[in-house]
Amino acid sequence: MSESEAQGRDPGQQSRWRGVLQLAIIVAVILAAIFFARAPSREFLEIDPGLAEARVEVTAAVIEPVATRASHKVVLTGTVTTLGNVALIPEASGEVVWVSENFRSGTEFKADETLARIDPREFELNLEKAKLGLVAAQQSLRQRQDEMARMADLRQRFPAQPGQPFFGTEGFLGTEGTIEKAEALVEVARKDIALAEIALDETRLRMPFDGYVRSTGLWPGQVVERVVTNVGQVYAKHLLRVRARISAFDLNSLQPVIGRRAVAVADGRSYETVVERVSKDVDIETRLASLYLEVLDQENADMLPPPGTFADVTVEGPMQDDVYVLPESALQINGSVWLVDNGRLTAVTPSSLGYSDGGWLVRAFDTRDGIVVGRIPGAREGLNVNAVAAAAQ
């Protein structure tokens, strides 16, 4: 090939290689741009957690309680009830002819006060009849007694001959044994009068105690039936009780619970109460037992809550020795507390005794370097902390 032909092909090859080189440069620039676009905007340093804890130490406020003698309180919710809730049912049948103004829902009545009256006319007639029966029986008795007296007089005037019986001994004028029978009839007549008086008295609707009327719809003209018709609900005045539900744990903490004093607050008023008895079973759904508290000094109270009123009950527990009274800020999750032990956190679950006005009561235990109060961010077992007395923090 001649030299002139080689020189004629060089310009074409050079331009082709130049184009390839430009394309490669463009691709390289694009790849570099993509790489730098995906790179992090700032650099993160990996720090050893142990080294970080060593450099950053958390401050923990601690207390060192002193064992003392204290009692806890159990706060319950309850309902006012009564022992004397009675259904008023008439003892006689008939038409109601009168109803007292004191026999209305919400009114107060006295013991043996007549609250209503059933038509007494039939019962009054029965009483008069019984009294007439007594008069007839007494008249019959006097007649028999007179006959016996005449027979005794005849015996004196006409004594019997030896071997011949006196005719009066065979029942003179039919008087043999009639005195005893006549006396028995008089007694029966007296009992008939007593029964008639009782039946007449049963036309009065009354109660043997002072009390209040819960509800009634009785009105004159209504016909009632003996021991069937319910004419109202009443309850005794001084037989109020408070029924409060209680868990097994709280019940055990109050033992012995019978006779323990408590304060019940109902309708904004406080009432002194005492635990009278405890239910012998628990609710099948809530598993709670029931305390029954007697309201004390009801006779002198200016106002008493009606049955059905909600009440907040605070029962005072027994005094116990070797007790720590902790602030509620010391309580952590699941009833535990954080202790500081050689500069590290450790969790302990003390024996809880309940609460009082002063705070949380627990059985005394080894508190190491102190009990943590308040919250520590990121608290965990073994965390390094700097214990500082809570009062000085």
Protein backbone atom coordinates (compact mmCIF):
# COMPACT_ATOMS: atom_id res chain seq x y z
CA MET A 1 0.00 0.00 0.00
CA SER A 2 1.34 3.35 -0.91
CA GLU A 3 1.99 6.11 1.63
CA SER A 4 -0.65 8.34 0.11
CA GLU A 5 -3.43 5.76 0.65
CA ALA A 6 -2.54 5.29 4.38
CA GLN A 7 -2.73 8.99 4.99
CA GLY A 8 -6.15 9.07 3.30
CA ARG A 9 -7.64 6.59 5.85
CA ASP A 10 -6.19 8.16 9.12
CA PRO A 11 -8.68 11.05 9.47
CA GLY A 12 -11.71 8.69 9.47
CA GLN A 13 -10.28 6.38 12.08
CA GLN A 14 -9.30 9.27 14.31
CA SER A 15 -12.80 10.74 14.29
CA ARG A 16 -14.30 7.33 15.11
CA TRP A 17 -12.01 6.83 18.12
CA ARG A 18 -12.72 10.37 19.24
CA GLY A 19 -16.48 9.64 19.34
CA VAL A 20 -15.98 6.47 21.38
CA LEU A 21 -13.83 8.37 23.85
CA GLN A 22 -16.46 11.10 24.28
CA LEU A 23 -19.17 8.50 24.88
CA ALA A 24 -17.04 6.80 27.53
CA ILE A 25 -16.44 10.11 29.27
CA ILE A 26 -20.19 10.88 29.32
CA VAL A 27 -21.01 7.44 30.80
CA ALA A 28 -18.32 7.90 33.45
CA VAL A 29 -19.74 11.30 34.41
CA ILE A 30 -23.26 9.86 34.70
CA LEU A 31 -22.08 6.96 36.87
CA ALA A 32 -20.15 9.34 39.11
CA ALA A 33 -23.23 11.55 39.50
CA ILE A 34 -25.38 8.55 40.44
CA PHE A 35 -22.80 7.36 42.95
CA PHE A 36 -22.49 10.70 44.71
CA ALA A 37 -26.28 11.17 44.70
CA ARG A 38 -26.74 7.92 46.66
CA ALA A 39 -24.01 8.63 49.20
CA PRO A 40 -25.09 9.66 52.79
CA SER A 41 -25.41 13.36 53.49
CA ARG A 42 -23.52 13.02 56.74
CA GLU A 43 -21.38 10.47 58.42
CA PHE A 44 -22.59 8.44 61.44
CA LEU A 45 -20.22 7.14 64.02
CA GLU A 46 -20.77 3.77 65.67
CA ILE A 47 -20.27 4.12 69.41
CA ASP A 48 -19.86 1.25 71.82
CA PRO A 49 -22.95 1.20 74.17
CA GLY A 50 -20.79 0.35 77.12
CA LEU A 51 -18.52 3.28 76.35
CA ALA A 52 -21.55 5.59 76.03
CA GLU A 53 -22.90 4.51 79.42
CA ALA A 54 -19.51 5.12 80.91
CA ARG A 55 -19.45 8.66 79.52
CA VAL A 56 -23.21 9.55 80.16
CA GLU A 57 -24.40 8.75 83.72
CA VAL A 58 -28.09 9.16 84.66
CA THR A 59 -29.02 10.83 87.95
CA ALA A 60 -31.50 8.92 90.14
CA ALA A 61 -33.34 10.49 93.09
CA VAL A 62 -33.42 7.99 95.96
CA ILE A 63 -34.88 7.77 99.45
CA GLU A 64 -33.87 5.63 102.40
CA PRO A 65 -37.07 4.97 104.39
CA VAL A 66 -37.16 4.08 108.08
CA ALA A 67 -39.26 1.16 109.32
CA THR A 68 -42.23 2.31 111.37
CA ARG A 69 -45.60 1.19 112.71
CA ALA A 70 -48.54 2.01 110.47
CA SER A 71 -51.93 0.85 109.25
CA HIS A 72 -53.25 0.85 105.73
CA LYS A 73 -56.66 1.83 104.41
CA VAL A 74 -58.84 -0.02 101.94
CA VAL A 75 -61.08 2.16 99.78
CA LEU A 76 -64.22 0.46 98.46
CA THR A 77 -67.43 1.40 96.68
CA GLY A 78 -70.77 0.22 97.99
CA THR A 79 -74.51 0.71 98.14
CA VAL A 80 -76.79 1.68 101.02
CA THR A 81 -79.21 -1.14 101.87
CA THR A 82 -81.56 -1.97 104.74
CA LEU A 83 -82.37 -5.00 106.85
CA GLY A 84 -85.99 -3.95 107.27
CA ASN A 85 -87.21 -3.84 103.67
CA VAL A 86 -90.75 -5.20 104.02
CA ALA A 87 -93.62 -5.86 101.62
CA LEU A 88 -96.84 -4.58 103.18
CA ILE A 89 -99.54 -7.25 102.67
CA PRO A 90 -103.00 -6.98 104.31
CA GLU A 91 -104.11 -9.56 106.86
CA ALA A 92 -107.78 -9.15 105.96
CA SER A 93 -109.75 -9.15 102.71
CA GLY A 94 -112.13 -6.42 101.66
CA GLU A 95 -112.48 -2.91 100.33
CA VAL A 96 -110.04 -0.20 101.42
CA VAL A 97 -112.08 2.60 103.00
CA TRP A 98 -109.29 4.89 104.26
CA VAL A 99 -105.60 5.59 103.52
CA SER A 100 -103.39 7.74 105.75
CA GLU A 101 -101.51 10.76 104.42
CA ASN A 102 -98.40 9.14 105.92
CA PHE A 103 -98.81 6.16 103.59
CA ARG A 104 -97.40 7.77 100.46
CA SER A 105 -94.11 7.12 98.69
CA GLY A 106 -91.30 8.85 100.61
CA THR A 107 -93.26 9.58 103.79
CA GLU A 108 -92.33 8.62 107.35
CA PHE A 109 -94.54 6.67 109.75
CA LYS A 110 -94.48 5.61 113.39
CA ALA A 111 -94.66 2.15 114.89
CA ASP A 112 -98.24 0.77 115.10
CA GLU A 113 -99.61 3.81 113.26
CA THR A 114 -102.69 3.00 111.16
CA LEU A 115 -101.60 3.43 107.54
CA ALA A 116 -104.84 2.22 105.92
CA ARG A 117 -108.09 0.54 106.91
CA ILE A 118 -110.18 -2.16 105.28
CA ASP A 119 -113.99 -2.03 105.62
CA PRO A 120 -114.50 -3.28 109.21
CA ARG A 121 -118.31 -3.73 109.27
CA GLU A 122 -118.36 -7.49 108.77
CA PHE A 123 -115.67 -7.96 111.41
CA GLU A 124 -117.50 -5.70 113.87
CA LEU A 125 -120.63 -7.82 113.45
CA ASN A 126 -118.62 -10.97 114.09
CA LEU A 127 -117.28 -9.39 117.29
CA GLU A 128 -120.79 -8.48 118.49
CA LYS A 129 -121.93 -12.01 117.71
CA ALA A 130 -119.07 -13.46 119.75
CA LYS A 131 -119.96 -11.21 122.68
CA LEU A 132 -123.57 -12.37 122.55
CA GLY A 133 -122.32 -15.94 122.53
CA LEU A 134 -120.43 -15.22 125.74
CA VAL A 135 -123.58 -13.80 127.36
CA ALA A 136 -125.53 -16.93 126.40
CA ALA A 137 -122.79 -19.23 127.72
CA GLN A 138 -122.59 -17.36 131.00
CA GLN A 139 -126.40 -17.51 131.36
CA SER A 140 -126.32 -21.25 130.75
CA LEU A 141 -123.59 -21.64 133.36
CA ARG A 142 -125.59 -19.71 135.98
CA GLN A 143 -128.64 -21.87 135.22
CA ARG A 144 -126.66 -25.04 135.76
CA GLN A 145 -125.17 -23.66 138.95
CA ASP A 146 -128.68 -22.83 140.26
CA GLU A 147 -129.86 -26.33 139.46
CA MET A 148 -126.94 -27.84 141.32
CA ALA A 149 -127.69 -25.62 144.33
CA ARG A 150 -131.33 -26.76 144.38
CA MET A 151 -130.23 -30.38 144.18
CA ALA A 152 -127.96 -29.92 147.20
CA ASP A 153 -130.87 -28.39 149.12
CA LEU A 154 -133.09 -31.37 148.29
CA ARG A 155 -130.43 -33.78 149.51
CA GLN A 156 -130.45 -32.08 152.86
CA ARG A 157 -134.21 -32.05 153.14
CA PHE A 158 -134.74 -35.59 151.85
CA PRO A 159 -131.73 -37.68 152.81
CA ALA A 160 -131.47 -41.08 151.14
CA GLN A 161 -132.37 -44.25 153.12
CA PRO A 162 -129.76 -46.96 153.70
CA GLY A 163 -129.63 -49.27 150.71
CA GLN A 164 -131.75 -46.90 148.60
CA PRO A 165 -129.88 -44.45 146.34
CA PHE A 166 -130.97 -40.83 146.29
CA PHE A 167 -132.81 -40.12 143.08
CA GLY A 168 -130.65 -37.01 142.45
CA THR A 169 -127.49 -39.07 141.98
CA GLU A 170 -128.88 -40.49 138.78
CA GLY A 171 -128.88 -37.06 137.14
CA PHE A 172 -131.38 -34.91 138.85
CA LEU A 173 -132.87 -32.55 136.29
CA GLY A 174 -130.13 -33.61 133.90
CA THR A 175 -127.42 -31.79 135.85
CA GLU A 176 -124.78 -34.54 135.94
CA GLY A 177 -121.51 -33.12 134.47
CA THR A 178 -123.25 -30.04 133.11
CA ILE A 179 -121.33 -27.50 135.26
CA GLU A 180 -117.99 -28.43 133.67
CA LYS A 181 -119.52 -28.36 130.21
CA ALA A 182 -121.09 -24.94 130.80
CA GLU A 183 -117.80 -23.55 132.11
CA ALA A 184 -116.02 -24.88 128.99
CA LEU A 185 -118.61 -23.19 126.77
CA VAL A 186 -118.01 -19.88 128.56
CA GLU A 187 -114.27 -20.21 127.91
CA VAL A 188 -114.92 -21.03 124.25
CA ALA A 189 -117.08 -17.91 123.97
CA ARG A 190 -114.27 -15.78 125.44
CA LYS A 191 -111.83 -17.21 122.87
CA ASP A 192 -114.31 -16.44 120.09
CA ILE A 193 -114.37 -12.82 121.25
CA ALA A 194 -110.55 -12.70 121.24
CA LEU A 195 -110.42 -14.11 117.71
CA ALA A 196 -113.05 -11.63 116.53
CA GLU A 197 -111.08 -8.75 118.07
CA ILE A 198 -107.92 -9.93 116.32
CA ALA A 199 -109.77 -10.19 113.00
CA LEU A 200 -111.15 -6.67 113.48
CA ASP A 201 -107.71 -5.31 114.36
CA GLU A 202 -106.30 -6.91 111.19
CA THR A 203 -108.40 -4.49 109.12
CA ARG A 204 -105.76 -1.90 110.14
CA LEU A 205 -102.61 -1.84 108.03
CA ARG A 206 -99.69 -0.97 110.30
CA MET A 207 -96.04 -1.81 110.98
CA PRO A 208 -94.37 -2.69 114.31
CA PHE A 209 -91.48 -0.24 113.70
CA ASP A 210 -90.75 3.36 112.76
CA GLY A 211 -89.96 3.57 109.09
CA TYR A 212 -90.30 5.06 105.65
CA VAL A 213 -92.55 4.24 102.70
CA ARG A 214 -90.57 3.28 99.60
CA SER A 215 -93.53 2.83 97.26
CA THR A 216 -97.28 2.30 97.31
CA GLY A 217 -100.27 2.61 95.01
CA LEU A 218 -103.02 1.97 97.55
CA TRP A 219 -106.15 4.11 97.32
CA PRO A 220 -109.65 4.07 98.85
CA GLY A 221 -112.03 1.82 96.94
CA GLN A 222 -109.37 -0.74 96.06
CA VAL A 223 -110.30 -4.33 96.95
CA VAL A 224 -107.47 -6.32 98.52
CA GLU A 225 -107.11 -9.99 99.35
CA ARG A 226 -105.65 -11.36 102.55
CA VAL A 227 -101.95 -12.45 102.36
CA VAL A 228 -102.03 -12.06 98.56
CA THR A 229 -102.23 -8.38 97.58
CA ASN A 230 -98.99 -6.39 97.89
CA VAL A 231 -100.00 -2.82 98.71
CA GLY A 232 -96.54 -1.26 99.15
CA GLN A 233 -92.89 -1.45 100.21
CA VAL A 234 -91.61 0.02 103.49
CA TYR A 235 -88.34 -0.18 105.42
CA ALA A 236 -87.36 0.27 109.03
CA LYS A 237 -85.94 3.61 110.05
CA HIS A 238 -82.79 2.60 111.91
CA LEU A 239 -81.73 -0.58 110.13
CA LEU A 240 -79.54 0.88 107.36
CA ARG A 241 -76.53 -1.07 106.18
CA VAL A 242 -73.83 -0.44 103.57
CA ARG A 243 -72.87 -3.30 101.27
CA ALA A 244 -69.38 -2.95 99.75
CA ARG A 245 -67.60 -5.30 97.34
CA ILE A 246 -64.05 -6.32 98.28
CA SER A 247 -61.30 -8.44 96.70
CA ALA A 248 -59.80 -11.46 98.40
CA PHE A 249 -56.43 -9.67 98.79
CA ASP A 250 -57.96 -6.63 100.53
CA LEU A 251 -60.19 -8.85 102.66
CA ASN A 252 -57.20 -10.86 103.89
CA SER A 253 -55.28 -7.66 104.64
CA LEU A 254 -58.08 -6.51 106.98
CA GLN A 255 -58.32 -9.68 109.07
CA PRO A 256 -59.79 -9.86 111.61
CA VAL A 257 -62.35 -7.81 109.69
CA ILE A 258 -65.47 -8.20 111.88
CA GLY A 259 -65.87 -5.16 114.12
CA ARG A 260 -63.42 -3.02 112.14
CA ARG A 261 -64.37 0.65 111.86
CA ALA A 262 -64.97 2.40 108.53
CA VAL A 263 -66.21 5.71 107.15
CA ALA A 264 -68.91 5.74 104.47
CA VAL A 265 -69.55 8.85 102.38
CA ALA A 266 -72.99 9.00 100.75
CA ASP A 267 -74.68 12.06 99.23
CA GLY A 268 -71.77 14.19 100.44
CA ARG A 269 -72.23 13.20 104.09
CA SER A 270 -69.92 11.04 106.21
CA TYR A 271 -71.26 8.24 108.39
CA GLU A 272 -69.40 6.16 110.94
CA THR A 273 -69.86 2.45 110.29
CA VAL A 274 -68.59 -0.88 111.59
CA VAL A 275 -68.14 -4.15 109.73
CA GLU A 276 -70.98 -6.39 110.87
CA ARG A 277 -70.51 -9.47 108.67
CA VAL A 278 -68.91 -10.84 105.50
CA SER A 279 -70.59 -12.80 102.73
CA LYS A 280 -69.82 -16.51 102.67
CA ASP A 281 -69.54 -16.65 98.88
CA VAL A 282 -68.11 -14.52 96.07
CA ASP A 283 -69.71 -13.12 92.94
CA ILE A 284 -69.39 -15.65 90.12
CA GLU A 285 -68.40 -12.94 87.62
CA THR A 286 -66.28 -10.47 89.59
CA ARG A 287 -64.92 -12.92 92.21
CA LEU A 288 -65.52 -10.26 94.85
CA ALA A 289 -66.90 -10.83 98.33
CA SER A 290 -69.23 -8.42 100.16
CA LEU A 291 -68.78 -6.52 103.41
CA TYR A 292 -71.90 -5.51 105.33
CA LEU A 293 -71.39 -2.43 107.49
CA GLU A 294 -73.81 -1.14 110.11
CA VAL A 295 -74.38 2.62 110.11
CA LEU A 296 -73.78 3.78 113.69
CA ASP A 297 -75.88 6.25 115.70
CA GLN A 298 -78.71 6.28 113.18
CA GLU A 299 -81.21 7.44 115.80
CA ASN A 300 -79.42 10.77 116.24
CA ALA A 301 -78.55 11.45 112.60
CA ASP A 302 -80.13 14.57 111.09
CA MET A 303 -80.40 12.90 107.70
CA LEU A 304 -79.88 9.35 106.47
CA PRO A 305 -79.23 8.23 102.89
CA PRO A 306 -82.08 6.29 101.27
CA PRO A 307 -81.50 2.67 100.21
CA GLY A 308 -79.85 2.42 96.81
CA THR A 309 -77.52 5.39 97.36
CA PHE A 310 -73.91 4.86 96.24
CA ALA A 311 -71.29 5.15 98.99
CA ASP A 312 -67.50 5.43 99.14
CA VAL A 313 -66.21 3.31 102.01
CA THR A 314 -62.78 3.60 103.66
CA VAL A 315 -61.90 0.76 106.03
CA GLU A 316 -59.06 1.19 108.52
CA GLY A 317 -56.69 -1.79 108.56
CA PRO A 318 -54.76 -3.27 111.49
CA MET A 319 -51.61 -1.63 112.86
CA GLN A 320 -48.45 -3.42 111.66
CA ASP A 321 -44.78 -3.19 112.64
CA ASP A 322 -41.69 -3.03 110.37
CA VAL A 323 -43.43 -1.11 107.61
CA TYR A 324 -42.03 1.30 105.04
CA VAL A 325 -44.29 4.18 104.00
CA LEU A 326 -43.22 4.96 100.43
CA PRO A 327 -44.40 7.77 98.16
CA GLU A 328 -46.47 6.57 95.23
CA SER A 329 -43.76 7.93 92.91
CA ALA A 330 -41.61 4.97 94.00
CA LEU A 331 -44.10 2.49 92.54
CA GLN A 332 -42.96 1.05 89.21
CA ILE A 333 -44.57 -1.40 86.82
CA ASN A 334 -46.03 -4.63 88.28
CA GLY A 335 -45.72 -3.35 91.85
CA SER A 336 -41.91 -3.24 91.78
CA VAL A 337 -39.39 -0.58 92.82
CA TRP A 338 -35.99 0.39 91.46
CA LEU A 339 -33.08 0.14 93.88
CA VAL A 340 -29.60 1.55 93.42
CA ASP A 341 -27.00 -1.11 94.17
CA ASN A 342 -23.34 -0.09 93.72
CA GLY A 343 -24.29 2.52 91.15
CA ARG A 344 -26.55 0.27 89.10
CA LEU A 345 -30.31 -0.17 88.91
CA THR A 346 -31.90 -3.36 90.17
CA ALA A 347 -35.63 -4.18 90.35
CA VAL A 348 -37.24 -5.58 93.52
CA THR A 349 -40.91 -6.41 94.20
CA PRO A 350 -41.65 -5.71 97.89
CA SER A 351 -44.51 -7.22 99.89
CA SER A 352 -47.33 -4.70 99.49
CA LEU A 353 -49.59 -4.04 102.49
CA GLY A 354 -51.86 -1.45 100.88
CA TYR A 355 -52.16 2.32 101.02
CA SER A 356 -52.67 4.96 103.68
CA ASP A 357 -52.93 8.73 103.71
CA GLY A 358 -49.13 8.84 103.92
CA GLY A 359 -48.47 6.68 100.87
CA TRP A 360 -47.75 3.10 99.84
CA LEU A 361 -47.16 0.62 102.67
CA VAL A 362 -44.72 -2.26 102.13
CA ARG A 363 -43.01 -4.75 104.39
CA ALA A 364 -39.51 -3.53 105.37
CA PHE A 365 -36.68 -4.93 103.21
CA ASP A 366 -33.03 -4.27 102.26
CA THR A 367 -33.03 -1.06 100.22
CA ARG A 368 -29.30 -1.27 99.25
CA ASP A 369 -28.20 2.30 98.40
CA GLY A 370 -31.75 3.69 98.23
CA ILE A 371 -35.15 3.41 96.57
CA VAL A 372 -35.60 5.38 93.36
CA VAL A 373 -38.50 7.84 93.27
CA GLY A 374 -39.83 9.22 90.02
CA ARG A 375 -39.08 8.03 86.50
CA ILE A 376 -35.69 7.39 84.92
CA PRO A 377 -35.57 7.62 81.09
CA GLY A 378 -34.48 4.32 79.62
CA ALA A 379 -34.45 2.60 83.00
CA ARG A 380 -33.38 -1.03 82.83
CA GLU A 381 -31.69 -3.64 84.95
CA GLY A 382 -28.01 -2.84 85.42
CA LEU A 383 -28.15 0.76 84.14
CA ASN A 384 -25.41 2.95 85.61
CA VAL A 385 -26.90 5.76 87.69
CA ASN A 386 -25.71 8.42 90.07
CA ALA A 387 -27.78 8.18 93.27
CA VAL A 388 -28.77 11.54 94.76
CA ALA A 389 -30.91 12.04 97.86
CA ALA A 390 -34.41 13.02 96.76
CA ALA A 391 -34.56 15.97 99.16
CA ALA A 392 -31.30 17.38 97.79
CA GLN A 393 -32.17 16.98 94.10
